[in-house]
Amino acid sequence: MGLSVVARYLRQLKDVLHQQRTLLASQVYLLYREPGVLSGYRMYGKSWFYYIVSIFQINNETVNIWTHLVAIMLFLKKIWSYADEFHYYSDPESWPLLGFGICCLAYATLSVSAHTVHSKSPFIHYTCFQADYAGIGYYGIGIGIIVFYSSSHPDWFRYFSRVFMPLNVFLGWVVMLGCSMAKLRYKRPYPFRRKLLQLCSGGMHAIVVALPLQARYTECFRKTGCSLSTLSHHTEVFLVLFSSLFFFSSHFPEKIWPGKFDLVGQGHQIFHVLATITTLKQFDAAYIDITKHRNTLITDKADMFQIVLSIILFAFISVITILALRPIVKKRVLQDMKDL
């Protein structure tokens, strides 16, 4: 019995591997097409196994998947390396790092999942990317946690300690909802206002989580003996972050040279790489503030409870939002099918 099951799975694997040819843009639904990407698309309507196997084959999602698979391993390595220095259970200084790490693992995992299986059907496509947008919200919440508790100006922390984390979660949800509605509202080829809506949704969150740092920059400019080099670890984060947003919003270089970057070198792939570098630099920036500037403002387990509650609450809100959007998604899929 056991050998027959193994044989059946081996035959299924063989069949899937034979199926793994890629399609031209003209052979797939408009929903799946990306600007400037003319080939390398996976077939749709196949088994879940087909899409899992596609991770290990060459198509136009392979690099998108592996950039964040590698990112997951790098984030785990960071979290593990801090465990050698901090005791996560008993050392309050480590809690923001751990909370940020969990949020980063969430966003990378949701991104991998979305890019792996979104081609299965239009309904799965929309649902997957809503989950991916929840991952972006998680990333913003993680930044809020690490900046607020490890890098805030002390006065800013004192004034806003009661409202910041609830606001952080709310704005993470705004990012998810804004990106989801932009996806559902506009059809391909997407107008720039769709990308603008996504950037504005994320921009509000980015401004709020940057405010605790802005107060430190302001004080540095006013203070004798302080220079930008004192905060260079945060300045580097902003520079790489803005570079990643350029590639996220521009579809460069494939939009300029269509067909040349179908498999490797797409703007979204570069965005993934730069986003990973940004995240690693954010880990390092918080670590510098904790160990060298002794700027950690977290005080007791009540703060840890806020971090844990924020992460769990956002997961709950994200699931409720995806379920609430199902009727809109179904309506949108029906519209997409009529437009074929």
Protein backbone atom coordinates (compact mmCIF):
# COMPACT_ATOMS: atom_id res chain seq x y z
CA MET A 1 0.00 0.00 0.00
CA GLY A 2 2.78 2.40 0.94
CA LEU A 3 4.71 1.74 -2.27
CA SER A 4 1.62 2.35 -4.39
CA VAL A 5 1.08 5.75 -2.74
CA VAL A 6 4.71 6.70 -3.37
CA ALA A 7 4.43 5.53 -6.97
CA ARG A 8 1.28 7.59 -7.47
CA TYR A 9 2.98 10.75 -6.14
CA LEU A 10 6.00 10.10 -8.34
CA ARG A 11 3.76 9.81 -11.40
CA GLN A 12 2.00 13.01 -10.38
CA LEU A 13 5.36 14.78 -10.00
CA LYS A 14 6.43 13.52 -13.43
CA ASP A 15 3.19 14.76 -14.98
CA VAL A 16 3.53 18.18 -13.35
CA LEU A 17 7.12 18.54 -14.48
CA HIS A 18 6.05 17.79 -18.04
CA GLN A 19 3.33 20.43 -17.79
CA GLN A 20 5.69 23.17 -16.73
CA ARG A 21 5.95 25.06 -19.96
CA THR A 22 5.49 28.80 -19.80
CA LEU A 23 3.13 30.99 -21.78
CA LEU A 24 3.29 34.27 -23.64
CA ALA A 25 1.45 37.29 -22.25
CA SER A 26 -1.11 36.96 -25.06
CA GLN A 27 -1.94 33.43 -23.84
CA VAL A 28 -2.95 34.37 -20.27
CA TYR A 29 -5.74 36.46 -18.75
CA LEU A 30 -5.17 40.20 -18.79
CA LEU A 31 -5.31 40.05 -14.99
CA TYR A 32 -2.00 38.15 -14.86
CA ARG A 33 -0.03 40.28 -17.28
CA GLU A 34 2.68 42.64 -16.07
CA PRO A 35 3.85 45.72 -18.00
CA GLY A 36 6.88 44.90 -20.15
CA VAL A 37 6.81 41.17 -19.30
CA LEU A 38 6.01 39.35 -22.55
CA SER A 39 6.71 35.72 -21.66
CA GLY A 40 7.43 33.26 -18.85
CA TYR A 41 3.90 33.09 -17.44
CA ARG A 42 2.72 29.91 -15.74
CA MET A 43 -0.45 28.15 -16.81
CA TYR A 44 -3.57 28.81 -14.79
CA GLY A 45 -6.21 26.42 -13.46
CA LYS A 46 -3.67 23.76 -12.48
CA SER A 47 -3.32 21.82 -9.21
CA TRP A 48 -1.77 23.31 -6.06
CA PHE A 49 1.09 20.87 -6.55
CA TYR A 50 1.82 22.40 -9.95
CA TYR A 51 2.42 25.84 -8.43
CA ILE A 52 4.53 24.51 -5.56
CA VAL A 53 6.76 22.70 -8.06
CA SER A 54 7.01 25.94 -10.08
CA ILE A 55 9.12 27.38 -7.26
CA PHE A 56 11.97 25.19 -8.48
CA GLN A 57 11.55 25.91 -12.18
CA ILE A 58 12.18 28.91 -14.38
CA ASN A 59 9.25 31.29 -14.88
CA ASN A 60 8.63 34.97 -14.37
CA GLU A 61 7.76 34.47 -10.67
CA THR A 62 10.78 32.37 -9.71
CA VAL A 63 13.00 35.30 -8.69
CA ASN A 64 10.12 37.03 -6.87
CA ILE A 65 9.61 33.87 -4.82
CA TRP A 66 13.25 33.14 -4.08
CA THR A 67 14.21 36.70 -3.13
CA HIS A 68 11.81 36.48 -0.21
CA LEU A 69 12.60 32.85 0.59
CA VAL A 70 16.20 33.95 1.02
CA ALA A 71 14.94 36.95 3.00
CA ILE A 72 13.13 34.63 5.43
CA MET A 73 16.37 32.75 6.06
CA LEU A 74 18.29 36.01 6.59
CA PHE A 75 15.66 37.34 9.01
CA LEU A 76 15.72 34.09 10.99
CA LYS A 77 19.52 34.33 11.13
CA LYS A 78 19.24 37.89 12.51
CA ILE A 79 16.72 36.90 15.16
CA TRP A 80 18.85 33.91 16.15
CA SER A 81 22.04 35.97 16.34
CA TYR A 82 20.42 38.41 18.78
CA ALA A 83 19.37 35.47 20.96
CA ASP A 84 23.07 34.94 21.73
CA GLU A 85 23.26 38.43 23.24
CA PHE A 86 19.75 39.00 24.57
CA HIS A 87 17.36 36.74 26.43
CA TYR A 88 14.08 37.26 24.64
CA TYR A 89 11.91 36.24 27.57
CA SER A 90 13.56 38.28 30.30
CA ASP A 91 15.40 41.13 28.53
CA PRO A 92 13.07 44.04 27.60
CA GLU A 93 15.69 45.51 25.24
CA SER A 94 15.21 42.57 22.88
CA TRP A 95 11.42 42.71 22.65
CA PRO A 96 11.20 45.34 19.87
CA LEU A 97 13.76 43.38 17.84
CA LEU A 98 11.76 40.19 18.27
CA GLY A 99 8.47 41.93 17.44
CA PHE A 100 9.99 43.48 14.33
CA GLY A 101 11.44 40.12 13.33
CA ILE A 102 8.06 38.39 13.60
CA CYS A 103 6.45 41.10 11.43
CA CYS A 104 9.22 40.76 8.84
CA LEU A 105 8.82 36.99 8.71
CA ALA A 106 5.08 37.54 8.21
CA TYR A 107 5.50 39.93 5.29
CA ALA A 108 8.08 37.75 3.52
CA THR A 109 6.05 34.56 4.03
CA LEU A 110 2.83 36.16 2.74
CA SER A 111 4.72 37.51 -0.27
CA VAL A 112 6.17 34.07 -1.08
CA SER A 113 2.71 32.51 -0.78
CA ALA A 114 1.08 35.11 -3.02
CA HIS A 115 3.69 34.90 -5.78
CA THR A 116 3.63 31.09 -5.65
CA VAL A 117 -0.09 30.38 -6.12
CA HIS A 118 -1.79 33.55 -7.40
CA SER A 119 -1.96 32.19 -10.96
CA LYS A 120 -4.27 29.31 -10.01
CA SER A 121 -7.46 31.31 -10.63
CA PRO A 122 -8.64 34.94 -10.72
CA PHE A 123 -10.33 34.54 -7.31
CA ILE A 124 -7.16 33.08 -5.79
CA HIS A 125 -5.17 35.88 -7.46
CA TYR A 126 -7.15 38.65 -5.77
CA THR A 127 -7.23 36.85 -2.42
CA CYS A 128 -3.49 36.12 -2.48
CA PHE A 129 -2.60 39.72 -3.08
CA GLN A 130 -4.91 40.91 -0.33
CA ALA A 131 -2.85 38.66 1.96
CA ASP A 132 0.31 40.11 0.41
CA TYR A 133 -0.96 43.62 1.20
CA ALA A 134 -1.58 42.47 4.77
CA GLY A 135 2.10 41.57 4.76
CA ILE A 136 2.95 45.15 3.78
CA GLY A 137 0.80 46.31 6.68
CA TYR A 138 2.68 43.94 8.96
CA TYR A 139 5.97 45.39 7.78
CA GLY A 140 4.79 48.91 8.64
CA ILE A 141 3.63 47.75 12.07
CA GLY A 142 7.02 46.12 12.64
CA ILE A 143 8.81 49.34 11.72
CA GLY A 144 6.53 51.20 14.12
CA ILE A 145 7.40 48.78 16.92
CA ILE A 146 11.14 48.96 16.43
CA VAL A 147 11.30 52.72 15.89
CA PHE A 148 8.95 53.61 18.74
CA TYR A 149 10.53 51.40 21.38
CA SER A 150 14.18 51.48 20.27
CA SER A 151 14.80 54.73 18.41
CA SER A 152 12.25 57.33 19.59
CA HIS A 153 13.13 60.66 21.04
CA PRO A 154 12.35 60.26 24.80
CA ASP A 155 9.93 63.21 24.86
CA TRP A 156 8.07 61.90 21.82
CA PHE A 157 7.82 58.49 23.45
CA ARG A 158 6.45 59.95 26.66
CA TYR A 159 3.79 62.06 24.96
CA PHE A 160 2.48 59.39 22.58
CA SER A 161 3.07 56.12 24.45
CA ARG A 162 -0.66 55.47 24.93
CA VAL A 163 -1.83 56.11 21.38
CA PHE A 164 1.05 55.12 19.12
CA MET A 165 0.58 51.35 18.97
CA PRO A 166 -3.21 51.47 18.35
CA LEU A 167 -2.55 54.08 15.64
CA ASN A 168 0.22 51.88 14.24
CA VAL A 169 -2.16 48.91 13.85
CA PHE A 170 -4.90 51.09 12.37
CA LEU A 171 -2.56 52.54 9.74
CA GLY A 172 -1.29 49.04 8.92
CA TRP A 173 -4.89 48.15 8.16
CA VAL A 174 -5.29 51.32 6.06
CA VAL A 175 -2.32 50.16 3.96
CA MET A 176 -3.87 46.74 3.44
CA LEU A 177 -7.31 48.12 2.63
CA GLY A 178 -6.01 50.89 0.36
CA CYS A 179 -3.87 48.50 -1.67
CA SER A 180 -6.69 45.94 -1.86
CA MET A 181 -9.24 48.47 -3.06
CA ALA A 182 -6.77 49.83 -5.62
CA LYS A 183 -6.35 46.29 -6.92
CA LEU A 184 -10.12 45.71 -7.09
CA ARG A 185 -11.04 49.13 -8.45
CA TYR A 186 -8.72 49.39 -11.46
CA LYS A 187 -8.19 47.05 -14.40
CA ARG A 188 -5.04 46.32 -16.38
CA PRO A 189 -3.31 48.17 -17.85
CA TYR A 190 -3.36 49.88 -14.47
CA PRO A 191 -3.43 53.70 -14.47
CA PHE A 192 -0.86 55.56 -12.40
CA ARG A 193 -3.57 56.64 -9.95
CA ARG A 194 -3.78 53.01 -8.80
CA LYS A 195 -0.12 53.05 -7.84
CA LEU A 196 -0.61 56.50 -6.34
CA LEU A 197 -3.40 55.16 -4.10
CA GLN A 198 -1.13 52.36 -2.94
CA LEU A 199 1.76 54.74 -2.25
CA CYS A 200 -0.48 57.22 -0.42
CA SER A 201 -1.91 54.44 1.77
CA GLY A 202 1.59 53.36 2.72
CA GLY A 203 2.86 56.93 2.86
CA MET A 204 0.55 57.89 5.74
CA HIS A 205 1.88 54.97 7.76
CA ALA A 206 5.48 55.77 6.83
CA ILE A 207 5.13 59.38 7.97
CA VAL A 208 3.70 58.39 11.36
CA VAL A 209 6.34 55.73 12.10
CA ALA A 210 9.08 58.17 11.03
CA LEU A 211 7.93 60.91 13.43
CA PRO A 212 9.80 59.51 16.47
CA LEU A 213 13.00 59.63 14.41
CA GLN A 214 12.23 63.09 13.03
CA ALA A 215 12.32 64.45 16.57
CA ARG A 216 15.84 63.04 17.00
CA TYR A 217 16.97 64.58 13.71
CA THR A 218 15.52 67.95 14.74
CA GLU A 219 17.29 67.86 18.09
CA CYS A 220 20.52 66.85 16.38
CA PHE A 221 20.43 69.92 14.10
CA ARG A 222 19.92 72.17 17.12
CA LYS A 223 22.49 70.50 19.34
CA THR A 224 26.16 71.45 19.35
CA GLY A 225 28.46 68.57 18.50
CA CYS A 226 25.77 66.52 16.80
CA SER A 227 25.86 65.81 13.06
CA LEU A 228 24.07 63.61 10.57
CA SER A 229 26.79 61.01 11.02
CA THR A 230 25.38 60.42 14.51
CA LEU A 231 22.19 59.17 12.87
CA SER A 232 23.77 57.72 9.74
CA HIS A 233 22.46 54.24 10.54
CA HIS A 234 18.92 55.58 10.11
CA THR A 235 19.79 57.75 7.10
CA GLU A 236 21.05 54.68 5.24
CA VAL A 237 17.70 52.97 5.87
CA PHE A 238 15.80 55.89 4.32
CA LEU A 239 18.06 56.00 1.26
CA VAL A 240 17.64 52.29 0.46
CA LEU A 241 13.92 52.46 1.24
CA PHE A 242 13.32 55.30 -1.22
CA SER A 243 15.33 53.41 -3.86
CA SER A 244 13.11 50.36 -3.39
CA LEU A 245 9.95 52.47 -3.75
CA PHE A 246 11.21 53.77 -7.11
CA PHE A 247 11.41 50.24 -8.51
CA PHE A 248 8.09 49.29 -6.90
CA SER A 249 6.23 52.14 -8.59
CA SER A 250 8.02 52.42 -11.94
CA HIS A 251 8.20 48.89 -13.46
CA PHE A 252 11.72 49.86 -14.51
CA PRO A 253 13.57 48.50 -16.46
CA GLU A 254 11.09 46.08 -18.14
CA LYS A 255 8.67 48.85 -19.11
CA ILE A 256 11.45 50.61 -21.03
CA TRP A 257 12.75 47.43 -22.71
CA PRO A 258 9.76 45.04 -23.00
CA GLY A 259 10.67 41.36 -23.19
CA LYS A 260 14.27 41.84 -22.06
CA PHE A 261 13.65 41.15 -18.37
CA ASP A 262 10.88 38.56 -18.49
CA LEU A 263 12.64 36.15 -16.14
CA VAL A 264 15.34 38.13 -14.32
CA GLY A 265 15.79 41.84 -13.63
CA GLN A 266 12.19 43.04 -13.35
CA GLY A 267 11.58 46.12 -11.24
CA HIS A 268 9.50 44.14 -8.73
CA GLN A 269 12.35 41.68 -8.29
CA ILE A 270 14.77 44.54 -7.65
CA PHE A 271 12.21 45.96 -5.20
CA HIS A 272 12.22 42.65 -3.30
CA VAL A 273 16.02 42.71 -3.04
CA LEU A 274 16.13 46.34 -1.88
CA ALA A 275 13.27 45.75 0.58
CA THR A 276 15.26 42.89 2.10
CA ILE A 277 18.37 45.08 2.38
CA THR A 278 16.25 47.83 3.96
CA THR A 279 14.88 45.39 6.52
CA LEU A 280 18.34 44.09 7.44
CA LYS A 281 19.56 47.67 7.86
CA GLN A 282 16.58 48.40 10.11
CA PHE A 283 17.59 45.48 12.31
CA ASP A 284 21.12 46.90 12.48
CA ALA A 285 19.91 50.46 13.15
CA ALA A 286 17.79 49.34 16.09
CA TYR A 287 20.64 47.22 17.42
CA ILE A 288 22.97 50.24 17.31
CA ASP A 289 20.46 52.37 19.18
CA ILE A 290 19.97 49.66 21.81
CA THR A 291 23.63 48.80 22.41
CA LYS A 292 25.52 52.03 21.67
CA HIS A 293 23.05 54.84 22.29
CA ARG A 294 21.17 53.02 25.05
CA ASN A 295 18.01 54.45 23.58
CA THR A 296 15.65 51.59 24.46
CA LEU A 297 12.48 53.00 25.99
CA ILE A 298 10.61 49.77 26.64
CA THR A 299 10.16 49.34 30.37
CA ASP A 300 8.09 46.36 31.47
CA LYS A 301 6.01 43.42 30.34
CA ALA A 302 3.03 45.70 29.73
CA ASP A 303 4.97 47.02 26.71
CA MET A 304 5.65 43.46 25.56
CA PHE A 305 1.92 42.78 25.88
CA GLN A 306 1.23 45.75 23.57
CA ILE A 307 3.62 44.37 20.96
CA VAL A 308 2.15 40.87 21.07
CA LEU A 309 -1.41 42.19 21.09
CA SER A 310 -0.70 44.41 18.07
CA ILE A 311 0.68 41.49 16.04
CA ILE A 312 -2.23 39.17 16.92
CA LEU A 313 -4.87 41.88 16.50
CA PHE A 314 -3.64 42.78 13.03
CA ALA A 315 -3.77 39.12 11.97
CA PHE A 316 -7.40 38.96 13.13
CA ILE A 317 -8.31 42.24 11.39
CA SER A 318 -6.62 41.09 8.16
CA VAL A 319 -8.59 37.82 8.05
CA ILE A 320 -11.87 39.67 8.72
CA THR A 321 -11.04 42.17 5.97
CA ILE A 322 -10.29 39.44 3.41
CA LEU A 323 -13.56 37.69 4.28
CA ALA A 324 -15.50 40.97 4.08
CA LEU A 325 -14.06 41.68 0.62
CA ARG A 326 -15.05 38.26 -0.80
CA PRO A 327 -18.33 39.51 -2.35
CA ILE A 328 -16.47 42.36 -4.05
CA VAL A 329 -13.82 39.95 -5.29
CA LYS A 330 -16.44 37.59 -6.73
CA LYS A 331 -18.15 40.50 -8.48
CA ARG A 332 -14.84 41.69 -9.88
CA VAL A 333 -13.97 38.19 -11.16
CA LEU A 334 -17.30 38.02 -13.00
CA GLN A 335 -16.54 41.40 -14.59
CA ASP A 336 -13.07 40.21 -15.61
CA MET A 337 -14.56 37.13 -17.26
CA LYS A 338 -17.03 39.24 -19.25
CA ASP A 339 -14.20 41.44 -20.52
CA LEU A 340 -12.24 38.50 -22.01
